[in-house]
Each structure stands twice: as structure tokens, then as C-alpha cells.
PDB file of N, CA and C in Angstrom:
ATOM      1  N   MET A   1     -32.838 -36.703  32.564  1.00  0.00           N
ATOM      2  CA  MET A   1     -33.274 -35.570  31.766  1.00  0.00           C
ATOM      3  C   MET A   1     -34.563 -35.973  31.038  1.00  0.00           C
ATOM      4  N   THR A   2     -35.544 -35.128  31.140  1.00  0.00           N
ATOM      5  CA  THR A   2     -36.820 -35.423  30.500  1.00  0.00           C
ATOM      6  C   THR A   2     -36.761 -35.059  29.023  1.00  0.00           C
ATOM      7  N   LYS A   3     -37.752 -35.544  28.291  1.00  0.00           N
ATOM      8  CA  LYS A   3     -37.827 -35.220  26.862  1.00  0.00           C
ATOM      9  C   LYS A   3     -37.944 -33.711  26.650  1.00  0.00           C
ATOM     10  N   PHE A   4     -38.722 -33.070  27.513  1.00  0.00           N
ATOM     11  CA  PHE A   4     -38.918 -31.627  27.406  1.00  0.00           C
ATOM     12  C   PHE A   4     -37.592 -30.894  27.592  1.00  0.00           C
ATOM     13  N   GLN A   5     -36.840 -31.288  28.607  1.00  0.00           N
ATOM     14  CA  GLN A   5     -35.552 -30.638  28.866  1.00  0.00           C
ATOM     15  C   GLN A   5     -34.605 -30.844  27.692  1.00  0.00           C
ATOM     16  N   HIS A   6     -34.590 -32.041  27.148  1.00  0.00           N
ATOM     17  CA  HIS A   6     -33.720 -32.349  26.011  1.00  0.00           C
ATOM     18  C   HIS A   6     -34.087 -31.481  24.803  1.00  0.00           C
ATOM     19  N   LYS A   7     -35.386 -31.396  24.501  1.00  0.00           N
ATOM     20  CA  LYS A   7     -35.827 -30.571  23.381  1.00  0.00           C
ATOM     21  C   LYS A   7     -35.503 -29.098  23.617  1.00  0.00           C
ATOM     22  N   PHE A   8     -35.679 -28.648  24.841  1.00  0.00           N
ATOM     23  CA  PHE A   8     -35.388 -27.255  25.177  1.00  0.00           C
ATOM     24  C   PHE A   8     -33.909 -26.942  24.945  1.00  0.00           C
ATOM     25  N   ILE A   9     -33.035 -27.825  25.350  1.00  0.00           N
ATOM     26  CA  ILE A   9     -31.590 -27.619  25.173  1.00  0.00           C
ATOM     27  C   ILE A   9     -31.242 -27.591  23.685  1.00  0.00           C
ATOM     28  N   VAL A  10     -31.807 -28.505  22.923  1.00  0.00           N
ATOM     29  CA  VAL A  10     -31.538 -28.546  21.483  1.00  0.00           C
ATOM     30  C   VAL A  10     -32.021 -27.251  20.820  1.00  0.00           C
ATOM     31  N   VAL A  11     -33.220 -26.811  21.150  1.00  0.00           N
ATOM     32  CA  VAL A  11     -33.766 -25.579  20.582  1.00  0.00           C
ATOM     33  C   VAL A  11     -32.912 -24.386  20.997  1.00  0.00           C
ATOM     34  N   ALA A  12     -32.479 -24.353  22.238  1.00  0.00           N
ATOM     35  CA  ALA A  12     -31.638 -23.254  22.720  1.00  0.00           C
ATOM     36  C   ALA A  12     -30.303 -23.226  21.978  1.00  0.00           C
ATOM     37  N   LEU A  13     -29.700 -24.373  21.764  1.00  0.00           N
ATOM     38  CA  LEU A  13     -28.425 -24.433  21.026  1.00  0.00           C
ATOM     39  C   LEU A  13     -28.594 -23.967  19.589  1.00  0.00           C
ATOM     40  N   ILE A  14     -29.660 -24.365  18.952  1.00  0.00           N
ATOM     41  CA  ILE A  14     -29.933 -23.931  17.580  1.00  0.00           C
ATOM     42  C   ILE A  14     -30.128 -22.422  17.537  1.00  0.00           C
ATOM     43  N   ALA A  15     -30.866 -21.892  18.497  1.00  0.00           N
ATOM     44  CA  ALA A  15     -31.113 -20.450  18.544  1.00  0.00           C
ATOM     45  C   ALA A  15     -29.812 -19.681  18.743  1.00  0.00           C
ATOM     46  N   VAL A  16     -28.978 -20.145  19.642  1.00  0.00           N
ATOM     47  CA  VAL A  16     -27.699 -19.469  19.904  1.00  0.00           C
ATOM     48  C   VAL A  16     -26.811 -19.522  18.669  1.00  0.00           C
ATOM     49  N   THR A  17     -26.770 -20.669  18.021  1.00  0.00           N
ATOM     50  CA  THR A  17     -25.942 -20.810  16.821  1.00  0.00           C
ATOM     51  C   THR A  17     -26.425 -19.888  15.712  1.00  0.00           C
ATOM     52  N   SER A  18     -27.718 -19.837  15.490  1.00  0.00           N
ATOM     53  CA  SER A  18     -28.242 -18.975  14.424  1.00  0.00           C
ATOM     54  C   SER A  18     -28.054 -17.504  14.770  1.00  0.00           C
ATOM     55  N   MET A  19     -28.186 -17.143  16.046  1.00  0.00           N
ATOM     56  CA  MET A  19     -27.984 -15.750  16.445  1.00  0.00           C
ATOM     57  C   MET A  19     -26.535 -15.336  16.258  1.00  0.00           C
ATOM     58  N   SER A  20     -25.601 -16.239  16.566  1.00  0.00           N
ATOM     59  CA  SER A  20     -24.191 -15.876  16.418  1.00  0.00           C
ATOM     60  C   SER A  20     -23.836 -15.714  14.947  1.00  0.00           C
ATOM     61  N   ALA A  21     -24.450 -16.496  14.070  1.00  0.00           N
ATOM     62  CA  ALA A  21     -24.196 -16.338  12.634  1.00  0.00           C
ATOM     63  C   ALA A  21     -24.749 -15.000  12.149  1.00  0.00           C
ATOM     64  N   ALA A  22     -25.938 -14.648  12.586  1.00  0.00           N
ATOM     65  CA  ALA A  22     -26.532 -13.364  12.209  1.00  0.00           C
ATOM     66  C   ALA A  22     -25.737 -12.221  12.816  1.00  0.00           C
ATOM     67  N   TYR A  23     -25.277 -12.401  14.011  1.00  0.00           N
ATOM     68  CA  TYR A  23     -24.491 -11.375  14.708  1.00  0.00           C
ATOM     69  C   TYR A  23     -23.197 -11.093  13.948  1.00  0.00           C
ATOM     70  N   ALA A  24     -22.539 -12.153  13.487  1.00  0.00           N
ATOM     71  CA  ALA A  24     -21.277 -11.989  12.752  1.00  0.00           C
ATOM     72  C   ALA A  24     -21.504 -11.300  11.406  1.00  0.00           C
ATOM     73  N   GLN A  25     -22.623 -11.537  10.773  1.00  0.00           N
ATOM     74  CA  GLN A  25     -22.902 -10.948   9.470  1.00  0.00           C
ATOM     75  C   GLN A  25     -23.105  -9.442   9.543  1.00  0.00           C
ATOM     76  N   ASN A  26     -23.524  -8.933  10.661  1.00  0.00           N
ATOM     77  CA  ASN A  26     -23.813  -7.513  10.788  1.00  0.00           C
ATOM     78  C   ASN A  26     -22.574  -6.640  10.871  1.00  0.00           C
ATOM     79  N   THR A  27     -21.397  -7.249  10.964  1.00  0.00           N
ATOM     80  CA  THR A  27     -20.177  -6.454  10.991  1.00  0.00           C
ATOM     81  C   THR A  27     -19.526  -6.395   9.612  1.00  0.00           C
ATOM     82  N   GLU A  28     -20.109  -7.043   8.641  1.00  0.00           N
ATOM     83  CA  GLU A  28     -19.557  -7.014   7.288  1.00  0.00           C
ATOM     84  C   GLU A  28     -19.878  -5.679   6.631  1.00  0.00           C
ATOM     85  N   THR A  29     -18.883  -5.077   6.008  1.00  0.00           N
ATOM     86  CA  THR A  29     -19.074  -3.801   5.321  1.00  0.00           C
ATOM     87  C   THR A  29     -18.387  -3.840   3.957  1.00  0.00           C
ATOM     88  N   PRO A  30     -18.840  -4.710   3.054  1.00  0.00           N
ATOM     89  CA  PRO A  30     -18.135  -4.855   1.781  1.00  0.00           C
ATOM     90  C   PRO A  30     -18.147  -3.593   0.916  1.00  0.00           C
ATOM     91  N   ARG A  31     -19.253  -2.875   0.883  1.00  0.00           N
ATOM     92  CA  ARG A  31     -19.305  -1.646   0.075  1.00  0.00           C
ATOM     93  C   ARG A  31     -18.348  -0.601   0.618  1.00  0.00           C
ATOM     94  N   ILE A  32     -18.348  -0.453   1.933  1.00  0.00           N
ATOM     95  CA  ILE A  32     -17.465   0.523   2.563  1.00  0.00           C
ATOM     96  C   ILE A  32     -16.013   0.137   2.313  1.00  0.00           C
ATOM     97  N   ASP A  33     -15.697  -1.154   2.450  1.00  0.00           N
ATOM     98  CA  ASP A  33     -14.326  -1.619   2.229  1.00  0.00           C
ATOM     99  C   ASP A  33     -13.890  -1.421   0.785  1.00  0.00           C
ATOM    100  N   ARG A  34     -14.785  -1.719  -0.153  1.00  0.00           N
ATOM    101  CA  ARG A  34     -14.458  -1.567  -1.577  1.00  0.00           C
ATOM    102  C   ARG A  34     -14.206  -0.099  -1.912  1.00  0.00           C
ATOM    103  N   ARG A  35     -15.051   0.753  -1.390  1.00  0.00           N
ATOM    104  CA  ARG A  35     -14.911   2.185  -1.654  1.00  0.00           C
ATOM    105  C   ARG A  35     -13.641   2.737  -1.010  1.00  0.00           C
ATOM    106  N   GLU A  36     -13.341   2.244   0.165  1.00  0.00           N
ATOM    107  CA  GLU A  36     -12.123   2.640   0.867  1.00  0.00           C
ATOM    108  C   GLU A  36     -10.892   2.298   0.018  1.00  0.00           C
ATOM    109  N   ALA A  37     -10.898   1.101  -0.552  1.00  0.00           N
ATOM    110  CA  ALA A  37      -9.778   0.671  -1.397  1.00  0.00           C
ATOM    111  C   ALA A  37      -9.677   1.541  -2.654  1.00  0.00           C
ATOM    112  N   GLN A  38     -10.814   1.878  -3.254  1.00  0.00           N
ATOM    113  CA  GLN A  38     -10.810   2.719  -4.452  1.00  0.00           C
ATOM    114  C   GLN A  38     -10.269   4.113  -4.137  1.00  0.00           C
ATOM    115  N   GLN A  39     -10.679   4.661  -3.004  1.00  0.00           N
ATOM    116  CA  GLN A  39     -10.203   5.996  -2.644  1.00  0.00           C
ATOM    117  C   GLN A  39      -8.708   5.968  -2.343  1.00  0.00           C
ATOM    118  N   GLN A  40      -8.252   4.897  -1.726  1.00  0.00           N
ATOM    119  CA  GLN A  40      -6.825   4.768  -1.448  1.00  0.00           C
ATOM    120  C   GLN A  40      -6.036   4.703  -2.764  1.00  0.00           C
ATOM    121  N   GLN A  41      -6.558   3.980  -3.734  1.00  0.00           N
ATOM    122  CA  GLN A  41      -5.908   3.897  -5.043  1.00  0.00           C
ATOM    123  C   GLN A  41      -5.851   5.268  -5.708  1.00  0.00           C
ATOM    124  N   ARG A  42      -6.914   6.044  -5.578  1.00  0.00           N
ATOM    125  CA  ARG A  42      -6.944   7.378  -6.182  1.00  0.00           C
ATOM    126  C   ARG A  42      -5.906   8.291  -5.539  1.00  0.00           C
ATOM    127  N   ILE A  43      -5.760   8.182  -4.223  1.00  0.00           N
ATOM    128  CA  ILE A  43      -4.743   8.983  -3.528  1.00  0.00           C
ATOM    129  C   ILE A  43      -3.351   8.562  -4.012  1.00  0.00           C
ATOM    130  N   ASP A  44      -3.102   7.254  -4.036  1.00  0.00           N
ATOM    131  CA  ASP A  44      -1.797   6.747  -4.479  1.00  0.00           C
ATOM    132  C   ASP A  44      -1.499   7.153  -5.920  1.00  0.00           C
ATOM    133  N   GLN A  45      -2.508   7.073  -6.775  1.00  0.00           N
ATOM    134  CA  GLN A  45      -2.330   7.452  -8.178  1.00  0.00           C
ATOM    135  C   GLN A  45      -2.042   8.938  -8.296  1.00  0.00           C
ATOM    136  N   GLY A  46      -2.695   9.749  -7.477  1.00  0.00           N
ATOM    137  CA  GLY A  46      -2.478  11.196  -7.498  1.00  0.00           C
ATOM    138  C   GLY A  46      -1.063  11.558  -7.087  1.00  0.00           C
ATOM    139  N   VAL A  47      -0.525  10.846  -6.127  1.00  0.00           N
ATOM    140  CA  VAL A  47       0.854  11.076  -5.699  1.00  0.00           C
ATOM    141  C   VAL A  47       1.803  10.666  -6.819  1.00  0.00           C
ATOM    142  N   LYS A  48       1.548   9.509  -7.395  1.00  0.00           N
ATOM    143  CA  LYS A  48       2.407   8.969  -8.452  1.00  0.00           C
ATOM    144  C   LYS A  48       2.445   9.887  -9.676  1.00  0.00           C
ATOM    145  N   SER A  49       1.293  10.439 -10.036  1.00  0.00           N
ATOM    146  CA  SER A  49       1.209  11.278 -11.232  1.00  0.00           C
ATOM    147  C   SER A  49       1.627  12.717 -10.964  1.00  0.00           C
ATOM    148  N   GLY A  50       1.753  13.083  -9.699  1.00  0.00           N
ATOM    149  CA  GLY A  50       2.114  14.455  -9.364  1.00  0.00           C
ATOM    150  C   GLY A  50       0.912  15.374  -9.227  1.00  0.00           C
ATOM    151  N   GLU A  51      -0.300  14.851  -9.373  1.00  0.00           N
ATOM    152  CA  GLU A  51      -1.510  15.671  -9.215  1.00  0.00           C
ATOM    153  C   GLU A  51      -1.696  16.117  -7.770  1.00  0.00           C
ATOM    154  N   LEU A  52      -1.160  15.335  -6.833  1.00  0.00           N
ATOM    155  CA  LEU A  52      -1.264  15.665  -5.415  1.00  0.00           C
ATOM    156  C   LEU A  52       0.119  15.998  -4.857  1.00  0.00           C
ATOM    157  N   THR A  53       0.189  17.068  -4.091  1.00  0.00           N
ATOM    158  CA  THR A  53       1.434  17.368  -3.392  1.00  0.00           C
ATOM    159  C   THR A  53       1.522  16.440  -2.180  1.00  0.00           C
ATOM    160  N   ASN A  54       2.692  16.366  -1.576  1.00  0.00           N
ATOM    161  CA  ASN A  54       2.834  15.528  -0.383  1.00  0.00           C
ATOM    162  C   ASN A  54       1.905  15.989   0.723  1.00  0.00           C
ATOM    163  N   ARG A  55       1.781  17.296   0.879  1.00  0.00           N
ATOM    164  CA  ARG A  55       0.918  17.831   1.921  1.00  0.00           C
ATOM    165  C   ARG A  55      -0.552  17.450   1.674  1.00  0.00           C
ATOM    166  N   GLU A  56      -0.996  17.579   0.425  1.00  0.00           N
ATOM    167  CA  GLU A  56      -2.374  17.205   0.085  1.00  0.00           C
ATOM    168  C   GLU A  56      -2.606  15.712   0.335  1.00  0.00           C
ATOM    169  N   ALA A  57      -1.634  14.904  -0.082  1.00  0.00           N
ATOM    170  CA  ALA A  57      -1.762  13.457   0.095  1.00  0.00           C
ATOM    171  C   ALA A  57      -1.815  13.099   1.580  1.00  0.00           C
ATOM    172  N   ASN A  58      -1.000  13.768   2.386  1.00  0.00           N
ATOM    173  CA  ASN A  58      -1.014  13.493   3.827  1.00  0.00           C
ATOM    174  C   ASN A  58      -2.357  13.862   4.441  1.00  0.00           C
ATOM    175  N   THR A  59      -2.913  14.994   4.017  1.00  0.00           N
ATOM    176  CA  THR A  59      -4.224  15.416   4.520  1.00  0.00           C
ATOM    177  C   THR A  59      -5.289  14.381   4.153  1.00  0.00           C
ATOM    178  N   LEU A  60      -5.293  13.960   2.916  1.00  0.00           N
ATOM    179  CA  LEU A  60      -6.270  12.967   2.465  1.00  0.00           C
ATOM    180  C   LEU A  60      -6.074  11.639   3.182  1.00  0.00           C
ATOM    181  N   GLN A  61      -4.824  11.271   3.420  1.00  0.00           N
ATOM    182  CA  GLN A  61      -4.539  10.018   4.101  1.00  0.00           C
ATOM    183  C   GLN A  61      -5.011  10.060   5.550  1.00  0.00           C
ATOM    184  N   ARG A  62      -4.845  11.196   6.214  1.00  0.00           N
ATOM    185  CA  ARG A  62      -5.344  11.341   7.586  1.00  0.00           C
ATOM    186  C   ARG A  62      -6.864  11.178   7.621  1.00  0.00           C
ATOM    187  N   ARG A  63      -7.540  11.777   6.637  1.00  0.00           N
ATOM    188  CA  ARG A  63      -8.997  11.641   6.562  1.00  0.00           C
ATOM    189  C   ARG A  63      -9.379  10.181   6.363  1.00  0.00           C
ATOM    190  N   GLN A  64      -8.645   9.505   5.493  1.00  0.00           N
ATOM    191  CA  GLN A  64      -8.901   8.086   5.225  1.00  0.00           C
ATOM    192  C   GLN A  64      -8.687   7.265   6.505  1.00  0.00           C
ATOM    193  N   ASN A  65      -7.648   7.598   7.257  1.00  0.00           N
ATOM    194  CA  ASN A  65      -7.371   6.889   8.508  1.00  0.00           C
ATOM    195  C   ASN A  65      -8.486   7.107   9.529  1.00  0.00           C
ATOM    196  N   ARG A  66      -9.048   8.318   9.562  1.00  0.00           N
ATOM    197  CA  ARG A  66     -10.163   8.594  10.484  1.00  0.00           C
ATOM    198  C   ARG A  66     -11.400   7.771  10.108  1.00  0.00           C
ATOM    199  N   ILE A  67     -11.626   7.623   8.809  1.00  0.00           N
ATOM    200  CA  ILE A  67     -12.756   6.794   8.353  1.00  0.00           C
ATOM    201  C   ILE A  67     -12.525   5.338   8.774  1.00  0.00           C
ATOM    202  N   ASN A  68     -11.297   4.862   8.615  1.00  0.00           N
ATOM    203  CA  ASN A  68     -10.972   3.488   9.020  1.00  0.00           C
ATOM    204  C   ASN A  68     -11.197   3.300  10.517  1.00  0.00           C
ATOM    205  N   ALA A  69     -10.783   4.278  11.314  1.00  0.00           N
ATOM    206  CA  ALA A  69     -10.973   4.201  12.762  1.00  0.00           C
ATOM    207  C   ALA A  69     -12.456   4.203  13.121  1.00  0.00           C
ATOM    208  N   ALA A  70     -13.235   5.024  12.424  1.00  0.00           N
ATOM    209  CA  ALA A  70     -14.682   5.069  12.673  1.00  0.00           C
ATOM    210  C   ALA A  70     -15.323   3.729  12.309  1.00  0.00           C
ATOM    211  N   GLU A  71     -14.852   3.110  11.251  1.00  0.00           N
ATOM    212  CA  GLU A  71     -15.380   1.803  10.852  1.00  0.00           C
ATOM    213  C   GLU A  71     -15.057   0.753  11.917  1.00  0.00           C
ATOM    214  N   GLU A  72     -13.842   0.759  12.411  1.00  0.00           N
ATOM    215  CA  GLU A  72     -13.454  -0.192  13.456  1.00  0.00           C
ATOM    216  C   GLU A  72     -14.276   0.033  14.730  1.00  0.00           C
ATOM    217  N   LYS A  73     -14.498   1.295  15.056  1.00  0.00           N
ATOM    218  CA  LYS A  73     -15.312   1.615  16.231  1.00  0.00           C
ATOM    219  C   LYS A  73     -16.740   1.106  16.047  1.00  0.00           C
ATOM    220  N   ALA A  74     -17.276   1.262  14.839  1.00  0.00           N
ATOM    221  CA  ALA A  74     -18.638   0.799  14.558  1.00  0.00           C
ATOM    222  C   ALA A  74     -18.724  -0.728  14.661  1.00  0.00           C
ATOM    223  N   LYS A  75     -17.668  -1.415  14.281  1.00  0.00           N
ATOM    224  CA  LYS A  75     -17.654  -2.878  14.317  1.00  0.00           C
ATOM    225  C   LYS A  75     -17.381  -3.425  15.719  1.00  0.00           C
ATOM    226  N   ALA A  76     -16.864  -2.589  16.605  1.00  0.00           N
ATOM    227  CA  ALA A  76     -16.403  -3.049  17.921  1.00  0.00           C
ATOM    228  C   ALA A  76     -17.487  -3.741  18.743  1.00  0.00           C
ATOM    229  N   ASP A  77     -18.714  -3.285  18.628  1.00  0.00           N
ATOM    230  CA  ASP A  77     -19.783  -3.906  19.419  1.00  0.00           C
ATOM    231  C   ASP A  77     -20.411  -5.108  18.717  1.00  0.00           C
ATOM    232  N   GLY A  78     -19.873  -5.468  17.562  1.00  0.00           N
ATOM    233  CA  GLY A  78     -20.358  -6.659  16.857  1.00  0.00           C
ATOM    234  C   GLY A  78     -21.455  -6.402  15.861  1.00  0.00           C
ATOM    235  N   LYS A  79     -21.892  -5.146  15.727  1.00  0.00           N
ATOM    236  CA  LYS A  79     -22.961  -4.844  14.780  1.00  0.00           C
ATOM    237  C   LYS A  79     -22.773  -3.434  14.246  1.00  0.00           C
ATOM    238  N   VAL A  80     -22.810  -3.313  12.936  1.00  0.00           N
ATOM    239  CA  VAL A  80     -22.754  -1.996  12.306  1.00  0.00           C
ATOM    240  C   VAL A  80     -24.192  -1.614  11.982  1.00  0.00           C
ATOM    241  N   THR A  81     -24.697  -0.629  12.698  1.00  0.00           N
ATOM    242  CA  THR A  81     -26.092  -0.222  12.545  1.00  0.00           C
ATOM    243  C   THR A  81     -26.283   0.584  11.261  1.00  0.00           C
ATOM    244  N   PRO A  82     -27.506   0.718  10.802  1.00  0.00           N
ATOM    245  CA  PRO A  82     -27.760   1.551   9.618  1.00  0.00           C
ATOM    246  C   PRO A  82     -27.289   2.997   9.812  1.00  0.00           C
ATOM    247  N   GLN A  83     -27.416   3.517  11.025  1.00  0.00           N
ATOM    248  CA  GLN A  83     -26.950   4.882  11.292  1.00  0.00           C
ATOM    249  C   GLN A  83     -25.426   4.969  11.168  1.00  0.00           C
ATOM    250  N   GLU A  84     -24.733   3.954  11.664  1.00  0.00           N
ATOM    251  CA  GLU A  84     -23.268   3.934  11.549  1.00  0.00           C
ATOM    252  C   GLU A  84     -22.845   3.811  10.091  1.00  0.00           C
ATOM    253  N   ARG A  85     -23.555   2.986   9.339  1.00  0.00           N
ATOM    254  CA  ARG A  85     -23.247   2.848   7.908  1.00  0.00           C
ATOM    255  C   ARG A  85     -23.458   4.182   7.180  1.00  0.00           C
ATOM    256  N   ARG A  86     -24.527   4.876   7.523  1.00  0.00           N
ATOM    257  CA  ARG A  86     -24.819   6.172   6.913  1.00  0.00           C
ATOM    258  C   ARG A  86     -23.711   7.176   7.242  1.00  0.00           C
ATOM    259  N   LYS A  87     -23.270   7.175   8.483  1.00  0.00           N
ATOM    260  CA  LYS A  87     -22.200   8.074   8.903  1.00  0.00           C
ATOM    261  C   LYS A  87     -20.903   7.769   8.142  1.00  0.00           C
ATOM    262  N   LEU A  88     -20.598   6.493   7.975  1.00  0.00           N
ATOM    263  CA  LEU A  88     -19.396   6.106   7.233  1.00  0.00           C
ATOM    264  C   LEU A  88     -19.506   6.511   5.764  1.00  0.00           C
ATOM    265  N   ARG A  89     -20.687   6.301   5.169  1.00  0.00           N
ATOM    266  CA  ARG A  89     -20.899   6.699   3.770  1.00  0.00           C
ATOM    267  C   ARG A  89     -20.728   8.199   3.594  1.00  0.00           C
ATOM    268  N   LYS A  90     -21.273   8.982   4.529  1.00  0.00           N
ATOM    269  CA  LYS A  90     -21.134  10.442   4.447  1.00  0.00           C
ATOM    270  C   LYS A  90     -19.673  10.857   4.534  1.00  0.00           C
ATOM    271  N   ALA A  91     -18.937  10.231   5.431  1.00  0.00           N
ATOM    272  CA  ALA A  91     -17.513  10.544   5.559  1.00  0.00           C
ATOM    273  C   ALA A  91     -16.769  10.181   4.280  1.00  0.00           C
ATOM    274  N   GLN A  92     -17.122   9.051   3.681  1.00  0.00           N
ATOM    275  CA  GLN A  92     -16.494   8.657   2.423  1.00  0.00           C
ATOM    276  C   GLN A  92     -16.868   9.621   1.301  1.00  0.00           C
ATOM    277  N   ASN A  93     -18.107  10.079   1.292  1.00  0.00           N
ATOM    278  CA  ASN A  93     -18.520  11.056   0.273  1.00  0.00           C
ATOM    279  C   ASN A  93     -17.711  12.337   0.396  1.00  0.00           C
ATOM    280  N   ARG A  94     -17.542  12.811   1.632  1.00  0.00           N
ATOM    281  CA  ARG A  94     -16.751  14.030   1.846  1.00  0.00           C
ATOM    282  C   ARG A  94     -15.311  13.829   1.392  1.00  0.00           C
ATOM    283  N   ASN A  95     -14.737  12.684   1.729  1.00  0.00           N
ATOM    284  CA  ASN A  95     -13.358  12.423   1.335  1.00  0.00           C
ATOM    285  C   ASN A  95     -13.249  12.263  -0.180  1.00  0.00           C
ATOM    286  N   ASN A  96     -14.252  11.670  -0.796  1.00  0.00           N
ATOM    287  CA  ASN A  96     -14.266  11.521  -2.245  1.00  0.00           C
ATOM    288  C   ASN A  96     -14.201  12.891  -2.923  1.00  0.00           C
ATOM    289  N   ARG A  97     -15.029  13.826  -2.447  1.00  0.00           N
ATOM    290  CA  ARG A  97     -15.017  15.180  -3.008  1.00  0.00           C
ATOM    291  C   ARG A  97     -13.685  15.873  -2.753  1.00  0.00           C
ATOM    292  N   ALA A  98     -13.119  15.648  -1.567  1.00  0.00           N
ATOM    293  CA  ALA A  98     -11.830  16.267  -1.245  1.00  0.00           C
ATOM    294  C   ALA A  98     -10.727  15.732  -2.163  1.00  0.00           C
ATOM    295  N   ILE A  99     -10.750  14.436  -2.438  1.00  0.00           N
ATOM    296  CA  ILE A  99      -9.752  13.853  -3.337  1.00  0.00           C
ATOM    297  C   ILE A  99      -9.878  14.500  -4.713  1.00  0.00           C
ATOM    298  N   TYR A 100     -11.100  14.589  -5.216  1.00  0.00           N
ATOM    299  CA  TYR A 100     -11.310  15.189  -6.525  1.00  0.00           C
ATOM    300  C   TYR A 100     -10.804  16.631  -6.555  1.00  0.00           C
ATOM    301  N   LYS A 101     -11.187  17.418  -5.563  1.00  0.00           N
ATOM    302  CA  LYS A 101     -10.790  18.830  -5.538  1.00  0.00           C
ATOM    303  C   LYS A 101      -9.281  18.993  -5.467  1.00  0.00           C
ATOM    304  N   LYS A 102      -8.644  18.204  -4.635  1.00  0.00           N
ATOM    305  CA  LYS A 102      -7.199  18.332  -4.484  1.00  0.00           C
ATOM    306  C   LYS A 102      -6.455  17.830  -5.724  1.00  0.00           C
ATOM    307  N   LYS A 103      -7.002  16.835  -6.398  1.00  0.00           N
ATOM    308  CA  LYS A 103      -6.354  16.341  -7.611  1.00  0.00           C
ATOM    309  C   LYS A 103      -6.528  17.305  -8.782  1.00  0.00           C
ATOM    310  N   HIS A 104      -7.576  18.134  -8.740  1.00  0.00           N
ATOM    311  CA  HIS A 104      -7.865  19.002  -9.861  1.00  0.00           C
ATOM    312  C   HIS A 104      -7.650  20.481  -9.561  1.00  0.00           C
ATOM    313  N   ASN A 105      -6.897  20.771  -8.514  1.00  0.00           N
ATOM    314  CA  ASN A 105      -6.588  22.176  -8.251  1.00  0.00           C
ATOM    315  C   ASN A 105      -5.315  22.549  -9.015  1.00  0.00           C
ATOM    316  N   ALA A 106      -4.864  23.762  -8.869  1.00  0.00           N
ATOM    317  CA  ALA A 106      -3.722  24.262  -9.641  1.00  0.00           C
ATOM    318  C   ALA A 106      -2.382  23.764  -9.098  1.00  0.00           C
ATOM    319  N   ARG A 107      -2.382  23.158  -7.943  1.00  0.00           N
ATOM    320  CA  ARG A 107      -1.117  22.707  -7.349  1.00  0.00           C
ATOM    321  C   ARG A 107      -0.701  21.373  -7.930  1.00  0.00           C
ATOM    322  N   SER A 108       0.600  21.181  -8.016  1.00  0.00           N
ATOM    323  CA  SER A 108       1.137  19.886  -8.423  1.00  0.00           C
ATOM    324  C   SER A 108       2.447  19.667  -7.713  1.00  0.00           C
ATOM    325  N   ALA A 109       2.800  18.420  -7.565  1.00  0.00           N
ATOM    326  CA  ALA A 109       4.044  18.084  -6.881  1.00  0.00           C
ATOM    327  C   ALA A 109       5.216  18.438  -7.783  1.00  0.00           C
ATOM    328  N   PRO A 110       6.313  18.900  -7.202  1.00  0.00           N
ATOM    329  CA  PRO A 110       7.489  19.204  -8.021  1.00  0.00           C
ATOM    330  C   PRO A 110       8.052  17.945  -8.654  1.00  0.00           C
ATOM    331  N   ASN A 111       8.513  18.073  -9.862  1.00  0.00           N
ATOM    332  CA  ASN A 111       9.059  16.896 -10.589  1.00  0.00           C
ATOM    333  C   ASN A 111      10.418  16.573 -10.138  1.00  0.00           C
TER     334      ASN A 111
END
């Protein structure tokens, strides 16, 4: 093996290692995960306090599950693109408003 070949292999290994580290970082969604947890807590709290009926809670939970599925789909190829992040944020915004509306409507769970 020549010096050139040896250097080429070392450079190639370094490049692959750095690319895989960058590749893994692009699937991280800490803001989305944190917000998801907060919305889940709000749904659970609404059920506990009686602000949400079972039907309302189930509807909100289905929406939350769809957001989770969309997040997993976005992560499936190893990179969450800015467009995918925007789509997830919009879905979370819609669900956030739905949680608020359902918690503050005239309906309440029977005691």
C-alpha cells in the first residue's frame, strides 16, 4: 500500500465518521418532543379535572398520535428536513388550539 492510498483511506474513514455523526444529529427533534410532552400533559390534566369529556380526550389523543406518526415518518429516512419540521410545528399548533378550545368549551365530564 502506498502512502497515497493509506492517506486516502484515513481521510475517507474520517469523512464517513463525521458524516454519520451529522446524519444522526438531523433526526433529533427536542423542541417537537418537549411540546408533544406538554400537550400530552394538558390532555391528561383536562381529563383529570373534568374539563375534557372522554370523547374530546379521545379526539385530541388521536390527533396527538397522528403527529407522533408523522414525526416517525419524518425520521425514517435519517433526516428531518426543515419542511418536515415546519409541518410538524403546524400540526402541533393546530392541536394546541384544539386542546385549548375543548378545555374551555361548555362541556365537562360527568362527576
